[in-house]
Amino acid sequence: MPNLTDEKALDIVLDVQVKVTVQLGSVMLPMREVIELAQGSIVQLTQHASDPVGLFVNDKLVAYGEVVVVEDNFGIKITELVGSAKP
């Protein structure tokens, strides 16, 4: 059972802002192709459409999930926490 000091210490960090990023995919491109990118260009990623996306907190992978649409906004449905055992 946590003691009162542990609870106060946890309360201090619960409101700390962290950067949360969802990575859909990536690709390596030569600078020549990057310079040639223009509006309407398509960049093909190495990830397949059915692959899970990565959820990063402060650049550390913490979970995988599926992209969902919530009231006309994109979201992520967590499907697996990194380090947790698969059922």
N, C-alpha and C. Protein backbone atom coordinates (compact mmCIF):
# COMPACT_ATOMS: atom_id res chain seq x y z
N MET A 1 0.85 -1.18 0.00
CA MET A 1 0.00 0.00 0.00
C MET A 1 0.89 1.24 0.00
N PRO A 2 0.67 2.18 -0.95
CA PRO A 2 1.51 3.37 -1.00
C PRO A 2 1.29 4.24 0.23
N ASN A 3 2.36 4.87 0.69
CA ASN A 3 2.19 5.76 1.83
C ASN A 3 1.86 7.16 1.33
N LEU A 4 1.54 8.06 2.25
CA LEU A 4 1.12 9.41 1.91
C LEU A 4 2.19 10.15 1.13
N THR A 5 3.46 9.92 1.46
CA THR A 5 4.56 10.58 0.77
C THR A 5 4.60 10.16 -0.70
N ASP A 6 4.38 8.87 -0.98
CA ASP A 6 4.36 8.39 -2.37
C ASP A 6 3.22 9.03 -3.15
N GLU A 7 2.07 9.17 -2.54
CA GLU A 7 0.91 9.78 -3.21
C GLU A 7 1.19 11.23 -3.53
N LYS A 8 1.81 11.97 -2.63
CA LYS A 8 2.14 13.38 -2.89
C LYS A 8 3.16 13.49 -4.01
N ALA A 9 4.14 12.60 -4.03
CA ALA A 9 5.15 12.61 -5.08
C ALA A 9 4.51 12.34 -6.44
N LEU A 10 3.57 11.42 -6.48
CA LEU A 10 2.87 11.10 -7.73
C LEU A 10 2.02 12.29 -8.17
N ASP A 11 1.35 12.95 -7.25
CA ASP A 11 0.53 14.11 -7.58
C ASP A 11 1.36 15.21 -8.25
N ILE A 12 2.60 15.33 -7.87
CA ILE A 12 3.47 16.37 -8.44
C ILE A 12 3.68 16.17 -9.93
N VAL A 13 3.80 14.92 -10.36
CA VAL A 13 4.11 14.65 -11.77
C VAL A 13 2.88 14.41 -12.64
N LEU A 14 1.71 14.20 -12.06
CA LEU A 14 0.53 13.88 -12.87
C LEU A 14 0.11 15.01 -13.79
N ASP A 15 0.42 16.25 -13.50
CA ASP A 15 0.05 17.38 -14.34
C ASP A 15 1.19 17.84 -15.27
N VAL A 16 2.30 17.12 -15.27
CA VAL A 16 3.42 17.48 -16.15
C VAL A 16 3.02 17.18 -17.59
N GLN A 17 3.22 18.15 -18.48
CA GLN A 17 2.90 17.98 -19.90
C GLN A 17 3.97 17.12 -20.57
N VAL A 18 3.54 16.16 -21.38
CA VAL A 18 4.45 15.33 -22.16
C VAL A 18 4.02 15.37 -23.62
N LYS A 19 4.96 15.13 -24.52
CA LYS A 19 4.66 15.12 -25.95
C LYS A 19 4.20 13.71 -26.33
N VAL A 20 2.99 13.61 -26.87
CA VAL A 20 2.45 12.34 -27.32
C VAL A 20 2.38 12.39 -28.84
N THR A 21 3.01 11.40 -29.50
CA THR A 21 3.09 11.36 -30.96
C THR A 21 2.62 10.00 -31.45
N VAL A 22 1.88 10.00 -32.54
CA VAL A 22 1.48 8.77 -33.20
C VAL A 22 2.23 8.70 -34.52
N GLN A 23 2.98 7.61 -34.71
CA GLN A 23 3.75 7.45 -35.94
C GLN A 23 3.03 6.47 -36.86
N LEU A 24 2.59 7.00 -37.98
CA LEU A 24 1.87 6.20 -38.97
C LEU A 24 2.83 5.35 -39.78
N GLY A 25 4.01 5.84 -40.04
CA GLY A 25 5.01 5.13 -40.83
C GLY A 25 6.17 6.04 -41.14
N SER A 26 7.12 5.52 -41.88
CA SER A 26 8.28 6.33 -42.25
C SER A 26 8.87 5.78 -43.54
N VAL A 27 9.81 6.52 -44.08
CA VAL A 27 10.50 6.11 -45.29
C VAL A 27 11.82 6.88 -45.36
N MET A 28 12.82 6.26 -45.94
CA MET A 28 14.09 6.94 -46.19
C MET A 28 14.06 7.45 -47.63
N LEU A 29 14.33 8.74 -47.82
CA LEU A 29 14.36 9.33 -49.15
C LEU A 29 15.67 10.06 -49.36
N PRO A 30 16.20 10.02 -50.57
CA PRO A 30 17.36 10.85 -50.86
C PRO A 30 16.96 12.32 -50.85
N MET A 31 17.85 13.18 -50.46
CA MET A 31 17.56 14.61 -50.38
C MET A 31 17.03 15.13 -51.71
N ARG A 32 17.48 14.58 -52.83
CA ARG A 32 17.01 14.99 -54.16
C ARG A 32 15.49 14.86 -54.25
N GLU A 33 14.95 13.74 -53.74
CA GLU A 33 13.50 13.53 -53.79
C GLU A 33 12.77 14.44 -52.79
N VAL A 34 13.37 14.71 -51.65
CA VAL A 34 12.75 15.60 -50.66
C VAL A 34 12.61 17.00 -51.25
N ILE A 35 13.66 17.47 -51.91
CA ILE A 35 13.64 18.81 -52.52
C ILE A 35 12.57 18.90 -53.60
N GLU A 36 12.31 17.79 -54.28
CA GLU A 36 11.33 17.79 -55.37
C GLU A 36 9.89 17.65 -54.88
N LEU A 37 9.66 17.45 -53.59
CA LEU A 37 8.30 17.34 -53.07
C LEU A 37 7.54 18.64 -53.28
N ALA A 38 6.29 18.51 -53.68
CA ALA A 38 5.43 19.68 -53.90
C ALA A 38 4.02 19.32 -53.43
N GLN A 39 3.16 20.31 -53.39
CA GLN A 39 1.78 20.06 -53.02
C GLN A 39 1.21 19.01 -53.96
N GLY A 40 0.58 17.99 -53.41
CA GLY A 40 0.01 16.91 -54.20
C GLY A 40 0.94 15.72 -54.36
N SER A 41 2.21 15.86 -53.95
CA SER A 41 3.14 14.73 -54.03
C SER A 41 2.67 13.63 -53.09
N ILE A 42 2.94 12.39 -53.47
CA ILE A 42 2.61 11.24 -52.63
C ILE A 42 3.92 10.59 -52.19
N VAL A 43 4.05 10.38 -50.89
CA VAL A 43 5.22 9.70 -50.33
C VAL A 43 4.74 8.35 -49.82
N GLN A 44 5.24 7.29 -50.40
CA GLN A 44 4.83 5.94 -50.00
C GLN A 44 5.63 5.53 -48.78
N LEU A 45 4.94 5.15 -47.71
CA LEU A 45 5.57 4.75 -46.46
C LEU A 45 5.89 3.26 -46.50
N THR A 46 6.79 2.84 -45.63
CA THR A 46 7.18 1.43 -45.56
C THR A 46 6.15 0.60 -44.80
N GLN A 47 5.20 1.24 -44.17
CA GLN A 47 4.20 0.55 -43.37
C GLN A 47 2.96 0.25 -44.21
N HIS A 48 2.37 -0.92 -44.00
CA HIS A 48 1.13 -1.28 -44.69
C HIS A 48 -0.06 -0.64 -43.97
N ALA A 49 -1.15 -0.45 -44.71
CA ALA A 49 -2.34 0.19 -44.14
C ALA A 49 -2.91 -0.59 -42.97
N SER A 50 -2.73 -1.91 -42.95
CA SER A 50 -3.30 -2.72 -41.87
C SER A 50 -2.37 -2.84 -40.65
N ASP A 51 -1.13 -2.34 -40.77
CA ASP A 51 -0.19 -2.42 -39.65
C ASP A 51 -0.59 -1.47 -38.53
N PRO A 52 -0.30 -1.82 -37.27
CA PRO A 52 -0.59 -0.90 -36.17
C PRO A 52 0.32 0.31 -36.22
N VAL A 53 -0.16 1.41 -35.67
CA VAL A 53 0.65 2.63 -35.56
C VAL A 53 1.31 2.66 -34.19
N GLY A 54 2.42 3.37 -34.07
CA GLY A 54 3.12 3.46 -32.80
C GLY A 54 2.71 4.70 -32.03
N LEU A 55 2.52 4.55 -30.72
CA LEU A 55 2.21 5.67 -29.83
C LEU A 55 3.45 5.94 -28.99
N PHE A 56 4.00 7.13 -29.11
CA PHE A 56 5.22 7.51 -28.42
C PHE A 56 4.92 8.59 -27.39
N VAL A 57 5.52 8.48 -26.22
CA VAL A 57 5.45 9.53 -25.20
C VAL A 57 6.88 10.01 -24.99
N ASN A 58 7.10 11.29 -25.28
CA ASN A 58 8.44 11.87 -25.23
C ASN A 58 9.44 11.01 -26.00
N ASP A 59 9.07 10.63 -27.21
CA ASP A 59 9.91 9.87 -28.14
C ASP A 59 10.20 8.44 -27.69
N LYS A 60 9.47 7.93 -26.71
CA LYS A 60 9.63 6.54 -26.27
C LYS A 60 8.37 5.77 -26.65
N LEU A 61 8.52 4.66 -27.37
CA LEU A 61 7.39 3.85 -27.77
C LEU A 61 6.74 3.22 -26.55
N VAL A 62 5.44 3.46 -26.36
CA VAL A 62 4.73 2.91 -25.21
C VAL A 62 3.56 2.01 -25.58
N ALA A 63 3.07 2.13 -26.83
CA ALA A 63 1.91 1.33 -27.22
C ALA A 63 1.77 1.27 -28.73
N TYR A 64 0.94 0.32 -29.17
CA TYR A 64 0.54 0.23 -30.57
C TYR A 64 -0.97 0.38 -30.63
N GLY A 65 -1.47 0.82 -31.77
CA GLY A 65 -2.91 0.98 -31.89
C GLY A 65 -3.38 1.07 -33.32
N GLU A 66 -4.67 1.29 -33.46
CA GLU A 66 -5.33 1.43 -34.75
C GLU A 66 -5.84 2.85 -34.88
N VAL A 67 -5.72 3.41 -36.08
CA VAL A 67 -6.24 4.75 -36.34
C VAL A 67 -7.76 4.66 -36.42
N VAL A 68 -8.43 5.58 -35.73
CA VAL A 68 -9.89 5.66 -35.75
C VAL A 68 -10.30 7.10 -36.01
N VAL A 69 -11.55 7.30 -36.41
CA VAL A 69 -12.09 8.64 -36.59
C VAL A 69 -13.11 8.88 -35.49
N VAL A 70 -12.92 10.00 -34.77
CA VAL A 70 -13.82 10.36 -33.67
C VAL A 70 -14.33 11.77 -33.95
N GLU A 71 -15.60 11.88 -34.30
CA GLU A 71 -16.22 13.18 -34.58
C GLU A 71 -15.38 14.00 -35.55
N ASP A 72 -15.04 13.45 -36.70
CA ASP A 72 -14.27 14.10 -37.76
C ASP A 72 -12.82 14.38 -37.38
N ASN A 73 -12.33 13.82 -36.30
CA ASN A 73 -10.93 13.94 -35.91
C ASN A 73 -10.30 12.55 -35.88
N PHE A 74 -9.01 12.49 -36.16
CA PHE A 74 -8.31 11.22 -36.04
C PHE A 74 -8.01 10.94 -34.58
N GLY A 75 -8.01 9.67 -34.23
CA GLY A 75 -7.65 9.22 -32.89
C GLY A 75 -6.92 7.90 -33.01
N ILE A 76 -6.56 7.32 -31.89
CA ILE A 76 -5.89 6.02 -31.88
C ILE A 76 -6.55 5.15 -30.82
N LYS A 77 -6.86 3.93 -31.21
CA LYS A 77 -7.41 2.93 -30.28
C LYS A 77 -6.24 2.04 -29.88
N ILE A 78 -5.88 2.05 -28.61
CA ILE A 78 -4.74 1.28 -28.11
C ILE A 78 -5.08 -0.21 -28.22
N THR A 79 -4.18 -0.96 -28.87
CA THR A 79 -4.39 -2.40 -29.01
C THR A 79 -3.36 -3.21 -28.22
N GLU A 80 -2.22 -2.59 -27.92
CA GLU A 80 -1.17 -3.31 -27.18
C GLU A 80 -0.25 -2.32 -26.49
N LEU A 81 0.01 -2.54 -25.22
CA LEU A 81 0.99 -1.76 -24.50
C LEU A 81 2.35 -2.43 -24.67
N VAL A 82 3.36 -1.65 -24.91
CA VAL A 82 4.71 -2.21 -25.09
C VAL A 82 5.15 -2.84 -23.78
N GLY A 83 5.66 -4.05 -23.87
CA GLY A 83 6.14 -4.75 -22.69
C GLY A 83 5.09 -5.61 -22.03
N SER A 84 3.82 -5.48 -22.45
CA SER A 84 2.78 -6.32 -21.85
C SER A 84 2.71 -7.63 -22.63
N ALA A 85 2.33 -8.66 -21.95
CA ALA A 85 2.21 -9.98 -22.58
C ALA A 85 0.99 -10.01 -23.48
N LYS A 86 1.13 -10.65 -24.65
CA LYS A 86 -0.01 -10.80 -25.54
C LYS A 86 -0.87 -11.95 -25.05
N PRO A 87 -2.21 -11.80 -25.18
CA PRO A 87 -3.11 -12.87 -24.71
C PRO A 87 -2.97 -14.14 -25.52
